Amino acid sequence: MQVFIGFDISLQSTHICVVDSDGKKVREGVVPSDVPALDTWLRMHGKEWAINRIVFETGQLSTHFYHGLRSSWPVICIDARHAHGTLKAQRVKTDKNDARGLAQIARTGWYKATHVKSDDGQALRALVGGRKQLVAIRLEMENHIRGTLKTFGIKLGTVTSAGFSAKVITALVGKNTLVTRTMHTLLQARDGILAQQKALDRHCAAITKNDAVCKRLKTIPGVGVITALTFKAEIDDPLRFRKSRDVGVHIGLTPRRFSSGEVDRSGSITKCGNGALRTLLFEASVTMLTRSGKWSRLKAWGVRLAQRSGFKVASTAVARKLAVIMHRMWVDETDFAYGNPPATQAA
């Protein structure tokens, strides 16, 4: 008997629903959210079944489950946003009903399978994500220290991250003892976070130094260590995109569009996908347009667009083109092509 299975995965337990090709319920169950427990349940009850598809949504445990089960079972991970459109039609929202809905989605084939990153891709994502978190915590502590000192009339002004602690300590000379002790404690915590951030920075630089893909991506003006690593971690497998221009859609750098009946309007970019990578690509495009001194076809195109439509629009458009070019460089194993300037400009 051909069956379709839906897993509704939560932190502690996973609800399972099995339906046949006609949509009739065959079996239901609940097991702990663990790969061996799911594998044992499938082997125990699936002896008389021909399992066609096993569907579950994206989530915190989906990557672990996918890699743990795909060698033995036909598992498919679907986007939770797509599944939500179907599951929200249920009158009662329970894990049991969600498993039933996912089983029906598996039977009808009305889903879009999402790419599950490899272990190496997830490790790179953890590295750049951890560094970003440390930077955010350090900046939050620095802003807290700045705001507190303003209460006592101390204005730090512009200061580098390396000289921040020294300037604060100098500004606290002769001030309230309790305030001085509190700020020194916060500075020690802040300096520790900065040291760990620099350790991750060195680790990121060492990886890109020995990675052919990252070295190739860094040939683009404005693309540095963190941008190259974040792009590689997000794309993971470049061959999963049929066309390079699909990368811009995946990252959320294409215009939003709403069309219904006589209404057809375009808006700002969709902002779907990895927001950190989108920000880094935007910063890289700004660097290329404003600080890069070497001529390139991409920069010339962005400058002309900025003159017509404004700098922000041009920077966003260049960021999208950067994503497309980086993907094509990865697939073709080529460096960034600057191109030749027009004869009049070269003269």
C-alpha atoms as a PDB file:
ATOM      1  CA  MET A   1       0.000   0.000   0.000  1.00  0.00           C
ATOM      2  CA  GLN A   2       1.380   3.408  -1.000  1.00  0.00           C
ATOM      3  CA  VAL A   3       1.324   5.909   1.856  1.00  0.00           C
ATOM      4  CA  PHE A   4       2.289   9.502   2.589  1.00  0.00           C
ATOM      5  CA  ILE A   5       3.512  10.675   5.993  1.00  0.00           C
ATOM      6  CA  GLY A   6       3.506  14.029   7.748  1.00  0.00           C
ATOM      7  CA  PHE A   7       5.735  14.925  10.711  1.00  0.00           C
ATOM      8  CA  ASP A   8       4.827  17.814  12.993  1.00  0.00           C
ATOM      9  CA  ILE A   9       8.064  18.358  14.878  1.00  0.00           C
ATOM     10  CA  SER A  10       8.229  20.146  18.209  1.00  0.00           C
ATOM     11  CA  LEU A  11      11.004  20.340  20.758  1.00  0.00           C
ATOM     12  CA  GLN A  12       9.913  17.393  22.924  1.00  0.00           C
ATOM     13  CA  SER A  13       7.674  15.244  20.704  1.00  0.00           C
ATOM     14  CA  THR A  14       6.814  14.628  17.071  1.00  0.00           C
ATOM     15  CA  HIS A  15       3.294  13.843  15.903  1.00  0.00           C
ATOM     16  CA  ILE A  16       3.042  11.455  12.954  1.00  0.00           C
ATOM     17  CA  CYS A  17       0.167  10.926  10.546  1.00  0.00           C
ATOM     18  CA  VAL A  18       0.050   8.362   7.726  1.00  0.00           C
ATOM     19  CA  VAL A  19      -2.505   8.559   4.893  1.00  0.00           C
ATOM     20  CA  ASP A  20      -3.018   6.406   1.805  1.00  0.00           C
ATOM     21  CA  SER A  21      -3.274   7.557  -1.804  1.00  0.00           C
ATOM     22  CA  ASP A  22      -6.991   8.366  -1.297  1.00  0.00           C
ATOM     23  CA  GLY A  23      -6.305  10.610   1.682  1.00  0.00           C
ATOM     24  CA  LYS A  24      -7.708   8.203   4.286  1.00  0.00           C
ATOM     25  CA  LYS A  25      -5.933   8.044   7.617  1.00  0.00           C
ATOM     26  CA  VAL A  26      -3.944   4.834   8.067  1.00  0.00           C
ATOM     27  CA  ARG A  27      -2.128   5.395  11.352  1.00  0.00           C
ATOM     28  CA  GLU A  28      -1.176   8.113  13.818  1.00  0.00           C
ATOM     29  CA  GLY A  29       1.428   8.238  16.532  1.00  0.00           C
ATOM     30  CA  VAL A  30       3.596  10.340  18.825  1.00  0.00           C
ATOM     31  CA  VAL A  31       7.300   9.732  19.439  1.00  0.00           C
ATOM     32  CA  PRO A  32      10.080  11.733  21.110  1.00  0.00           C
ATOM     33  CA  SER A  33      11.729  14.288  18.828  1.00  0.00           C
ATOM     34  CA  ASP A  34      14.778  12.206  18.121  1.00  0.00           C
ATOM     35  CA  VAL A  35      16.132  10.670  14.913  1.00  0.00           C
ATOM     36  CA  PRO A  36      16.525   7.097  16.294  1.00  0.00           C
ATOM     37  CA  ALA A  37      12.980   7.199  17.727  1.00  0.00           C
ATOM     38  CA  LEU A  38      11.489   8.244  14.380  1.00  0.00           C
ATOM     39  CA  ASP A  39      13.552   5.682  12.492  1.00  0.00           C
ATOM     40  CA  THR A  40      12.442   2.934  14.861  1.00  0.00           C
ATOM     41  CA  TRP A  41       8.775   3.914  14.515  1.00  0.00           C
ATOM     42  CA  LEU A  42       8.999   3.899  10.722  1.00  0.00           C
ATOM     43  CA  ARG A  43      10.705   0.510  10.654  1.00  0.00           C
ATOM     44  CA  MET A  44       8.203  -0.962  13.113  1.00  0.00           C
ATOM     45  CA  HIS A  45       5.011   0.195  11.401  1.00  0.00           C
ATOM     46  CA  GLY A  46       6.137   0.633   7.801  1.00  0.00           C
ATOM     47  CA  LYS A  47       6.844  -2.974   6.897  1.00  0.00           C
ATOM     48  CA  GLU A  48       3.631  -3.356   4.871  1.00  0.00           C
ATOM     49  CA  TRP A  49       3.768   0.174   3.396  1.00  0.00           C
ATOM     50  CA  ALA A  50       5.404   1.634   0.327  1.00  0.00           C
ATOM     51  CA  ILE A  51       6.349   5.044   1.716  1.00  0.00           C
ATOM     52  CA  ASN A  52       6.202   7.595  -1.082  1.00  0.00           C
ATOM     53  CA  ARG A  53       7.037  10.824   0.765  1.00  0.00           C
ATOM     54  CA  ILE A  54       7.663  12.039   4.307  1.00  0.00           C
ATOM     55  CA  VAL A  55       7.061  15.769   4.703  1.00  0.00           C
ATOM     56  CA  PHE A  56       7.897  18.134   7.563  1.00  0.00           C
ATOM     57  CA  GLU A  57       8.302  21.903   7.901  1.00  0.00           C
ATOM     58  CA  THR A  58      11.416  23.992   8.295  1.00  0.00           C
ATOM     59  CA  GLY A  59      12.347  24.629  11.911  1.00  0.00           C
ATOM     60  CA  GLN A  60      15.132  24.441  14.446  1.00  0.00           C
ATOM     61  CA  LEU A  61      15.350  20.647  14.306  1.00  0.00           C
ATOM     62  CA  SER A  62      14.531  20.176  10.618  1.00  0.00           C
ATOM     63  CA  THR A  63      18.169  20.162   9.457  1.00  0.00           C
ATOM     64  CA  HIS A  64      19.152  17.538  12.014  1.00  0.00           C
ATOM     65  CA  PHE A  65      16.157  15.362  11.142  1.00  0.00           C
ATOM     66  CA  TYR A  66      16.671  15.712   7.403  1.00  0.00           C
ATOM     67  CA  HIS A  67      20.317  14.643   7.453  1.00  0.00           C
ATOM     68  CA  GLY A  68      19.583  11.891   9.963  1.00  0.00           C
ATOM     69  CA  LEU A  69      16.719  10.289   7.998  1.00  0.00           C
ATOM     70  CA  ARG A  70      17.420  10.970   4.321  1.00  0.00           C
ATOM     71  CA  SER A  71      19.779   8.005   3.917  1.00  0.00           C
ATOM     72  CA  SER A  72      16.962   5.562   4.759  1.00  0.00           C
ATOM     73  CA  TRP A  73      13.682   7.375   4.041  1.00  0.00           C
ATOM     74  CA  PRO A  74      12.296   9.724   1.335  1.00  0.00           C
ATOM     75  CA  VAL A  75      12.129  12.812   3.544  1.00  0.00           C
ATOM     76  CA  ILE A  76      11.275  16.257   2.145  1.00  0.00           C
ATOM     77  CA  CYS A  77      11.567  19.544   4.033  1.00  0.00           C
ATOM     78  CA  ILE A  78       9.101  22.249   2.946  1.00  0.00           C
ATOM     79  CA  ASP A  79       8.957  25.949   3.740  1.00  0.00           C
ATOM     80  CA  ALA A  80       6.904  26.602   6.882  1.00  0.00           C
ATOM     81  CA  ARG A  81       5.407  29.738   5.289  1.00  0.00           C
ATOM     82  CA  HIS A  82       4.005  27.678   2.418  1.00  0.00           C
ATOM     83  CA  ALA A  83       2.611  25.035   4.766  1.00  0.00           C
ATOM     84  CA  HIS A  84       1.016  27.738   6.924  1.00  0.00           C
ATOM     85  CA  GLY A  85      -1.236  28.781   4.041  1.00  0.00           C
ATOM     86  CA  THR A  86      -2.813  25.322   4.056  1.00  0.00           C
ATOM     87  CA  LEU A  87      -2.744  24.519   7.754  1.00  0.00           C
ATOM     88  CA  LYS A  88      -4.383  27.792   8.828  1.00  0.00           C
ATOM     89  CA  ALA A  89      -7.669  26.611   7.242  1.00  0.00           C
ATOM     90  CA  GLN A  90      -8.113  24.123  10.116  1.00  0.00           C
ATOM     91  CA  ARG A  91     -10.735  24.958  12.703  1.00  0.00           C
ATOM     92  CA  VAL A  92      -8.606  23.705  15.587  1.00  0.00           C
ATOM     93  CA  LYS A  93      -4.836  24.238  15.698  1.00  0.00           C
ATOM     94  CA  THR A  94      -3.133  21.241  17.307  1.00  0.00           C
ATOM     95  CA  ASP A  95       0.039  19.303  16.614  1.00  0.00           C
ATOM     96  CA  LYS A  96      -2.054  16.275  15.727  1.00  0.00           C
ATOM     97  CA  ASN A  97      -4.062  18.212  13.152  1.00  0.00           C
ATOM     98  CA  ASP A  98      -0.910  19.793  11.761  1.00  0.00           C
ATOM     99  CA  ALA A  99       0.547  16.325  11.168  1.00  0.00           C
ATOM    100  CA  ARG A 100      -2.641  15.371   9.324  1.00  0.00           C
ATOM    101  CA  GLY A 101      -2.401  18.489   7.189  1.00  0.00           C
ATOM    102  CA  LEU A 102       1.252  17.825   6.345  1.00  0.00           C
ATOM    103  CA  ALA A 103       0.390  14.266   5.351  1.00  0.00           C
ATOM    104  CA  GLN A 104      -2.268  15.580   2.952  1.00  0.00           C
ATOM    105  CA  ILE A 105       0.237  18.086   1.554  1.00  0.00           C
ATOM    106  CA  ALA A 106       2.627  15.189   0.935  1.00  0.00           C
ATOM    107  CA  ARG A 107      -0.137  13.233  -0.829  1.00  0.00           C
ATOM    108  CA  THR A 108      -1.279  16.047  -3.116  1.00  0.00           C
ATOM    109  CA  GLY A 109       2.240  17.239  -3.921  1.00  0.00           C
ATOM    110  CA  TRP A 110       1.160  20.834  -3.293  1.00  0.00           C
ATOM    111  CA  TYR A 111       4.421  21.990  -1.762  1.00  0.00           C
ATOM    112  CA  LYS A 112       7.795  23.450  -2.642  1.00  0.00           C
ATOM    113  CA  ALA A 113      10.777  21.549  -1.283  1.00  0.00           C
ATOM    114  CA  THR A 114      13.333  23.800   0.371  1.00  0.00           C
ATOM    115  CA  HIS A 115      17.082  23.340   0.296  1.00  0.00           C
ATOM    116  CA  VAL A 116      18.527  21.961   3.527  1.00  0.00           C
ATOM    117  CA  LYS A 117      22.050  23.201   4.077  1.00  0.00           C
ATOM    118  CA  SER A 118      24.951  20.822   4.483  1.00  0.00           C
ATOM    119  CA  ASP A 119      26.803  20.441   7.767  1.00  0.00           C
ATOM    120  CA  ASP A 120      29.667  22.557   6.431  1.00  0.00           C
ATOM    121  CA  GLY A 121      27.245  25.291   5.393  1.00  0.00           C
ATOM    122  CA  GLN A 122      25.598  25.266   8.796  1.00  0.00           C
ATOM    123  CA  ALA A 123      29.014  25.460  10.472  1.00  0.00           C
ATOM    124  CA  LEU A 124      29.938  28.553   8.424  1.00  0.00           C
ATOM    125  CA  ARG A 125      26.561  30.064   9.207  1.00  0.00           C
ATOM    126  CA  ALA A 126      27.144  29.461  12.922  1.00  0.00           C
ATOM    127  CA  LEU A 127      30.550  31.153  12.671  1.00  0.00           C
ATOM    128  CA  VAL A 128      29.385  34.358  10.964  1.00  0.00           C
ATOM    129  CA  GLY A 129      26.200  34.402  13.051  1.00  0.00           C
ATOM    130  CA  GLY A 130      28.179  34.095  16.281  1.00  0.00           C
ATOM    131  CA  ARG A 131      30.485  36.920  15.226  1.00  0.00           C
ATOM    132  CA  LYS A 132      27.510  39.115  14.377  1.00  0.00           C
ATOM    133  CA  GLN A 133      26.006  38.422  17.797  1.00  0.00           C
ATOM    134  CA  LEU A 134      29.229  39.420  19.554  1.00  0.00           C
ATOM    135  CA  VAL A 135      29.375  42.665  17.561  1.00  0.00           C
ATOM    136  CA  ALA A 136      25.773  43.458  18.484  1.00  0.00           C
ATOM    137  CA  ILE A 137      26.394  42.794  22.197  1.00  0.00           C
ATOM    138  CA  ARG A 138      29.560  44.935  22.173  1.00  0.00           C
ATOM    139  CA  LEU A 139      27.801  47.839  20.486  1.00  0.00           C
ATOM    140  CA  GLU A 140      24.887  47.586  22.905  1.00  0.00           C
ATOM    141  CA  MET A 141      27.255  47.748  25.887  1.00  0.00           C
ATOM    142  CA  GLU A 142      29.141  50.692  24.394  1.00  0.00           C
ATOM    143  CA  ASN A 143      25.893  52.578  23.794  1.00  0.00           C
ATOM    144  CA  HIS A 144      24.790  51.832  27.356  1.00  0.00           C
ATOM    145  CA  ILE A 145      28.076  53.208  28.701  1.00  0.00           C
ATOM    146  CA  ARG A 146      27.782  56.308  26.505  1.00  0.00           C
ATOM    147  CA  GLY A 147      24.203  56.946  27.630  1.00  0.00           C
ATOM    148  CA  THR A 148      25.057  56.507  31.289  1.00  0.00           C
ATOM    149  CA  LEU A 149      28.022  58.877  31.125  1.00  0.00           C
ATOM    150  CA  LYS A 150      25.915  61.585  29.475  1.00  0.00           C
ATOM    151  CA  THR A 151      23.885  61.711  32.682  1.00  0.00           C
ATOM    152  CA  PHE A 152      27.027  63.006  34.404  1.00  0.00           C
ATOM    153  CA  GLY A 153      27.899  65.408  31.599  1.00  0.00           C
ATOM    154  CA  ILE A 154      30.549  63.204  29.974  1.00  0.00           C
ATOM    155  CA  LYS A 155      30.429  63.164  26.144  1.00  0.00           C
ATOM    156  CA  LEU A 156      32.756  60.625  24.579  1.00  0.00           C
ATOM    157  CA  GLY A 157      32.299  61.762  20.988  1.00  0.00           C
ATOM    158  CA  THR A 158      33.849  59.816  18.127  1.00  0.00           C
ATOM    159  CA  VAL A 159      36.208  57.078  19.228  1.00  0.00           C
ATOM    160  CA  THR A 160      37.498  53.828  17.732  1.00  0.00           C
ATOM    161  CA  SER A 161      36.719  50.460  19.268  1.00  0.00           C
ATOM    162  CA  ALA A 162      40.389  50.039  20.229  1.00  0.00           C
ATOM    163  CA  GLY A 163      40.513  53.337  22.125  1.00  0.00           C
ATOM    164  CA  PHE A 164      37.040  53.211  23.669  1.00  0.00           C
ATOM    165  CA  SER A 165      38.032  51.815  27.078  1.00  0.00           C
ATOM    166  CA  ALA A 166      40.988  54.171  27.510  1.00  0.00           C
ATOM    167  CA  LYS A 167      38.856  57.212  26.730  1.00  0.00           C
ATOM    168  CA  VAL A 168      36.159  56.135  29.194  1.00  0.00           C
ATOM    169  CA  ILE A 169      38.716  55.537  31.959  1.00  0.00           C
ATOM    170  CA  THR A 170      40.267  58.972  31.341  1.00  0.00           C
ATOM    171  CA  ALA A 171      36.859  60.651  31.393  1.00  0.00           C
ATOM    172  CA  LEU A 172      36.005  59.022  34.741  1.00  0.00           C
ATOM    173  CA  VAL A 173      38.971  60.505  36.617  1.00  0.00           C
ATOM    174  CA  GLY A 174      37.666  62.430  39.626  1.00  0.00           C
ATOM    175  CA  LYS A 175      34.072  61.317  39.167  1.00  0.00           C
ATOM    176  CA  ASN A 176      31.714  59.513  41.556  1.00  0.00           C
ATOM    177  CA  THR A 177      33.322  56.381  43.021  1.00  0.00           C
ATOM    178  CA  LEU A 178      30.258  54.186  42.528  1.00  0.00           C
ATOM    179  CA  VAL A 179      29.884  55.271  38.915  1.00  0.00           C
ATOM    180  CA  THR A 180      33.584  54.689  38.266  1.00  0.00           C
ATOM    181  CA  ARG A 181      33.470  51.170  39.735  1.00  0.00           C
ATOM    182  CA  THR A 182      30.342  50.306  37.715  1.00  0.00           C
ATOM    183  CA  MET A 183      31.802  51.583  34.444  1.00  0.00           C
ATOM    184  CA  HIS A 184      35.074  49.709  35.019  1.00  0.00           C
ATOM    185  CA  THR A 185      33.108  46.470  35.470  1.00  0.00           C
ATOM    186  CA  LEU A 186      31.173  47.065  32.261  1.00  0.00           C
ATOM    187  CA  LEU A 187      34.389  47.902  30.420  1.00  0.00           C
ATOM    188  CA  GLN A 188      35.978  44.630  31.510  1.00  0.00           C
ATOM    189  CA  ALA A 189      32.989  42.711  30.112  1.00  0.00           C
ATOM    190  CA  ARG A 190      33.054  44.791  26.935  1.00  0.00           C
ATOM    191  CA  ASP A 191      36.802  44.236  26.443  1.00  0.00           C
ATOM    192  CA  GLY A 192      36.315  40.481  26.881  1.00  0.00           C
ATOM    193  CA  ILE A 193      33.614  40.442  24.196  1.00  0.00           C
ATOM    194  CA  LEU A 194      35.865  42.483  21.886  1.00  0.00           C
ATOM    195  CA  ALA A 195      38.711  40.012  22.387  1.00  0.00           C
ATOM    196  CA  GLN A 196      36.451  37.080  21.476  1.00  0.00           C
ATOM    197  CA  GLN A 197      35.155  38.981  18.441  1.00  0.00           C
ATOM    198  CA  LYS A 198      38.709  39.532  17.228  1.00  0.00           C
ATOM    199  CA  ALA A 199      39.419  35.819  17.734  1.00  0.00           C
ATOM    200  CA  LEU A 200      36.490  34.959  15.461  1.00  0.00           C
ATOM    201  CA  ASP A 201      37.679  37.595  12.977  1.00  0.00           C
ATOM    202  CA  ARG A 202      41.066  35.876  12.795  1.00  0.00           C
ATOM    203  CA  HIS A 203      39.355  32.520  12.353  1.00  0.00           C
ATOM    204  CA  CYS A 204      37.208  33.903   9.513  1.00  0.00           C
ATOM    205  CA  ALA A 205      40.284  35.381   7.819  1.00  0.00           C
ATOM    206  CA  ALA A 206      42.134  32.065   8.076  1.00  0.00           C
ATOM    207  CA  ILE A 207      39.224  30.221   6.448  1.00  0.00           C
ATOM    208  CA  THR A 208      38.941  32.630   3.522  1.00  0.00           C
ATOM    209  CA  LYS A 209      42.714  32.535   3.017  1.00  0.00           C
ATOM    210  CA  ASN A 210      42.590  28.799   2.323  1.00  0.00           C
ATOM    211  CA  ASP A 211      39.198  28.661   0.566  1.00  0.00           C
ATOM    212  CA  ALA A 212      39.252  28.991  -3.232  1.00  0.00           C
ATOM    213  CA  VAL A 213      35.652  30.220  -3.462  1.00  0.00           C
ATOM    214  CA  CYS A 214      36.089  32.974  -0.874  1.00  0.00           C
ATOM    215  CA  LYS A 215      39.398  34.076  -2.391  1.00  0.00           C
ATOM    216  CA  ARG A 216      37.662  34.399  -5.743  1.00  0.00           C
ATOM    217  CA  LEU A 217      34.756  36.376  -4.294  1.00  0.00           C
ATOM    218  CA  LYS A 218      37.138  38.769  -2.557  1.00  0.00           C
ATOM    219  CA  THR A 219      38.443  39.938  -5.929  1.00  0.00           C
ATOM    220  CA  ILE A 220      35.261  42.062  -6.154  1.00  0.00           C
ATOM    221  CA  PRO A 221      35.746  45.645  -4.847  1.00  0.00           C
ATOM    222  CA  GLY A 222      33.859  46.034  -1.565  1.00  0.00           C
ATOM    223  CA  VAL A 223      33.556  42.296  -0.830  1.00  0.00           C
ATOM    224  CA  GLY A 224      35.569  41.311   2.210  1.00  0.00           C
ATOM    225  CA  VAL A 225      36.022  38.330   4.480  1.00  0.00           C
ATOM    226  CA  ILE A 226      32.648  38.425   6.236  1.00  0.00           C
ATOM    227  CA  THR A 227      30.661  39.090   3.049  1.00  0.00           C
ATOM    228  CA  ALA A 228      32.346  36.216   1.211  1.00  0.00           C
ATOM    229  CA  LEU A 229      31.817  33.785   4.099  1.00  0.00           C
ATOM    230  CA  THR A 230      28.189  34.813   4.606  1.00  0.00           C
ATOM    231  CA  PHE A 231      27.461  34.420   0.890  1.00  0.00           C
ATOM    232  CA  LYS A 232      29.028  30.973   0.781  1.00  0.00           C
ATOM    233  CA  ALA A 233      27.187  29.862   3.921  1.00  0.00           C
ATOM    234  CA  GLU A 234      23.832  31.065   2.553  1.00  0.00           C
ATOM    235  CA  ILE A 235      24.150  29.658  -0.980  1.00  0.00           C
ATOM    236  CA  ASP A 236      25.819  26.420   0.189  1.00  0.00           C
ATOM    237  CA  ASP A 237      25.319  24.642  -3.143  1.00  0.00           C
ATOM    238  CA  PRO A 238      25.458  26.983  -6.172  1.00  0.00           C
ATOM    239  CA  LEU A 239      24.000  24.354  -8.507  1.00  0.00           C
ATOM    240  CA  ARG A 240      20.655  24.449  -6.718  1.00  0.00           C
ATOM    241  CA  PHE A 241      19.917  27.680  -8.603  1.00  0.00           C
ATOM    242  CA  ARG A 242      19.056  27.092 -12.259  1.00  0.00           C
ATOM    243  CA  LYS A 243      19.913  30.690 -13.154  1.00  0.00           C
ATOM    244  CA  SER A 244      22.232  33.109 -11.423  1.00  0.00           C
ATOM    245  CA  ARG A 245      19.581  35.824 -11.417  1.00  0.00           C
ATOM    246  CA  ASP A 246      17.482  33.634  -9.108  1.00  0.00           C
ATOM    247  CA  VAL A 247      19.966  34.411  -6.318  1.00  0.00           C
ATOM    248  CA  GLY A 248      18.733  38.014  -6.193  1.00  0.00           C
ATOM    249  CA  VAL A 249      15.187  36.741  -5.681  1.00  0.00           C
ATOM    250  CA  HIS A 250      16.345  34.301  -2.997  1.00  0.00           C
ATOM    251  CA  ILE A 251      18.072  37.037  -0.984  1.00  0.00           C
ATOM    252  CA  GLY A 252      15.157  39.469  -1.328  1.00  0.00           C
ATOM    253  CA  LEU A 253      16.744  42.147  -3.505  1.00  0.00           C
ATOM    254  CA  THR A 254      14.075  42.214  -6.219  1.00  0.00           C
ATOM    255  CA  PRO A 255      11.051  44.578  -6.276  1.00  0.00           C
ATOM    256  CA  ARG A 256       7.858  43.514  -4.585  1.00  0.00           C
ATOM    257  CA  ARG A 257       4.878  43.203  -6.931  1.00  0.00           C
ATOM    258  CA  PHE A 258       1.123  42.979  -6.373  1.00  0.00           C
ATOM    259  CA  SER A 259      -1.110  42.181  -9.343  1.00  0.00           C
ATOM    260  CA  SER A 260      -4.823  41.410  -9.082  1.00  0.00           C
ATOM    261  CA  GLY A 261      -7.439  42.293 -11.678  1.00  0.00           C
ATOM    262  CA  GLU A 262      -6.876  45.855 -12.799  1.00  0.00           C
ATOM    263  CA  VAL A 263      -4.373  46.487  -9.989  1.00  0.00           C
ATOM    264  CA  ASP A 264      -0.707  46.032 -10.867  1.00  0.00           C
ATOM    265  CA  ARG A 265       1.829  47.864  -8.757  1.00  0.00           C
ATOM    266  CA  SER A 266       5.452  47.432  -7.763  1.00  0.00           C
ATOM    267  CA  GLY A 267       6.946  48.384  -4.439  1.00  0.00           C
ATOM    268  CA  SER A 268      10.216  48.222  -2.571  1.00  0.00           C
ATOM    269  CA  ILE A 269      12.360  45.098  -2.422  1.00  0.00           C
ATOM    270  CA  THR A 270      10.805  41.951  -0.941  1.00  0.00           C
ATOM    271  CA  LYS A 271      13.389  41.632   1.884  1.00  0.00           C
ATOM    272  CA  CYS A 272      12.895  37.865   2.062  1.00  0.00           C
ATOM    273  CA  GLY A 273      15.744  35.493   2.803  1.00  0.00           C
ATOM    274  CA  ASN A 274      18.917  36.233   4.740  1.00  0.00           C
ATOM    275  CA  GLY A 275      18.783  39.806   6.011  1.00  0.00           C
ATOM    276  CA  ALA A 276      22.418  39.793   7.163  1.00  0.00           C
ATOM    277  CA  LEU A 277      23.658  38.875   3.685  1.00  0.00           C
ATOM    278  CA  ARG A 278      21.370  41.481   2.123  1.00  0.00           C
ATOM    279  CA  THR A 279      22.869  44.160   4.390  1.00  0.00           C
ATOM    280  CA  LEU A 280      26.433  43.073   3.635  1.00  0.00           C
ATOM    281  CA  LEU A 281      25.819  43.149  -0.118  1.00  0.00           C
ATOM    282  CA  PHE A 282      24.303  46.623   0.187  1.00  0.00           C
ATOM    283  CA  GLU A 283      27.350  47.819   2.120  1.00  0.00           C
ATOM    284  CA  ALA A 284      29.623  46.247  -0.512  1.00  0.00           C
ATOM    285  CA  SER A 285      27.762  48.091  -3.272  1.00  0.00           C
ATOM    286  CA  VAL A 286      28.099  51.409  -1.419  1.00  0.00           C
ATOM    287  CA  THR A 287      31.830  50.779  -1.004  1.00  0.00           C
ATOM    288  CA  MET A 288      32.184  50.007  -4.694  1.00  0.00           C
ATOM    289  CA  LEU A 289      30.329  53.165  -5.750  1.00  0.00           C
ATOM    290  CA  THR A 290      31.993  55.566  -3.321  1.00  0.00           C
ATOM    291  CA  ARG A 291      35.421  54.256  -2.305  1.00  0.00           C
ATOM    292  CA  SER A 292      36.668  51.969  -5.052  1.00  0.00           C
ATOM    293  CA  GLY A 293      39.049  53.862  -7.303  1.00  0.00           C
ATOM    294  CA  LYS A 294      39.297  51.261 -10.064  1.00  0.00           C
ATOM    295  CA  TRP A 295      36.888  51.470 -13.003  1.00  0.00           C
ATOM    296  CA  SER A 296      34.548  48.531 -13.686  1.00  0.00           C
ATOM    297  CA  ARG A 297      31.495  47.992 -15.839  1.00  0.00           C
ATOM    298  CA  LEU A 298      29.390  47.329 -12.738  1.00  0.00           C
ATOM    299  CA  LYS A 299      30.500  50.549 -11.034  1.00  0.00           C
ATOM    300  CA  ALA A 300      29.925  52.599 -14.179  1.00  0.00           C
ATOM    301  CA  TRP A 301      26.438  51.154 -14.518  1.00  0.00           C
ATOM    302  CA  GLY A 302      25.683  51.946 -10.859  1.00  0.00           C
ATOM    303  CA  VAL A 303      26.928  55.537 -11.179  1.00  0.00           C
ATOM    304  CA  ARG A 304      24.733  56.150 -14.230  1.00  0.00           C
ATOM    305  CA  LEU A 305      21.753  54.663 -12.410  1.00  0.00           C
ATOM    306  CA  ALA A 306      22.437  56.845  -9.345  1.00  0.00           C
ATOM    307  CA  GLN A 307      22.334  59.959 -11.528  1.00  0.00           C
ATOM    308  CA  ARG A 308      18.904  58.972 -12.862  1.00  0.00           C
ATOM    309  CA  SER A 309      17.184  57.330  -9.871  1.00  0.00           C
ATOM    310  CA  GLY A 310      19.118  58.272  -6.735  1.00  0.00           C
ATOM    311  CA  PHE A 311      21.977  56.747  -4.780  1.00  0.00           C
ATOM    312  CA  LYS A 312      19.909  54.402  -2.589  1.00  0.00           C
ATOM    313  CA  VAL A 313      18.103  52.838  -5.544  1.00  0.00           C
ATOM    314  CA  ALA A 314      21.398  52.433  -7.385  1.00  0.00           C
ATOM    315  CA  SER A 315      23.094  50.843  -4.359  1.00  0.00           C
ATOM    316  CA  THR A 316      20.274  48.326  -4.008  1.00  0.00           C
ATOM    317  CA  ALA A 317      20.412  47.496  -7.706  1.00  0.00           C
ATOM    318  CA  VAL A 318      24.196  47.054  -7.588  1.00  0.00           C
ATOM    319  CA  ALA A 319      23.791  44.797  -4.538  1.00  0.00           C
ATOM    320  CA  ARG A 320      21.434  42.562  -6.530  1.00  0.00           C
ATOM    321  CA  LYS A 321      23.868  42.449  -9.436  1.00  0.00           C
ATOM    322  CA  LEU A 322      26.676  41.626  -7.010  1.00  0.00           C
ATOM    323  CA  ALA A 323      24.741  38.585  -5.772  1.00  0.00           C
ATOM    324  CA  VAL A 324      24.182  37.415  -9.354  1.00  0.00           C
ATOM    325  CA  ILE A 325      27.821  37.981 -10.329  1.00  0.00           C
ATOM    326  CA  MET A 326      29.156  36.237  -7.217  1.00  0.00           C
ATOM    327  CA  HIS A 327      27.063  33.168  -7.975  1.00  0.00           C
ATOM    328  CA  ARG A 328      28.240  33.089 -11.584  1.00  0.00           C
ATOM    329  CA  MET A 329      31.874  33.493 -10.494  1.00  0.00           C
ATOM    330  CA  TRP A 330      31.413  30.547  -8.134  1.00  0.00           C
ATOM    331  CA  VAL A 331      29.886  28.316 -10.811  1.00  0.00           C
ATOM    332  CA  ASP A 332      32.303  29.287 -13.593  1.00  0.00           C
ATOM    333  CA  GLU A 333      35.334  29.443 -11.275  1.00  0.00           C
ATOM    334  CA  THR A 334      36.376  32.855 -12.586  1.00  0.00           C
ATOM    335  CA  ASP A 335      37.589  36.063 -10.949  1.00  0.00           C
ATOM    336  CA  PHE A 336      35.769  39.381 -11.102  1.00  0.00           C
ATOM    337  CA  ALA A 337      35.883  40.929 -14.590  1.00  0.00           C
ATOM    338  CA  TYR A 338      36.437  44.692 -14.410  1.00  0.00           C
ATOM    339  CA  GLY A 339      36.086  45.182 -18.154  1.00  0.00           C
ATOM    340  CA  ASN A 340      37.647  47.910 -20.286  1.00  0.00           C
ATOM    341  CA  PRO A 341      36.530  51.545 -19.998  1.00  0.00           C
ATOM    342  CA  PRO A 342      35.301  53.384 -23.097  1.00  0.00           C
ATOM    343  CA  ALA A 343      37.993  54.922 -25.267  1.00  0.00           C
ATOM    344  CA  THR A 344      37.036  58.493 -24.330  1.00  0.00           C
ATOM    345  CA  GLN A 345      37.130  57.771 -20.597  1.00  0.00           C
ATOM    346  CA  ALA A 346      40.382  55.830 -20.857  1.00  0.00           C
ATOM    347  CA  ALA A 347      41.952  58.783 -22.672  1.00  0.00           C
END
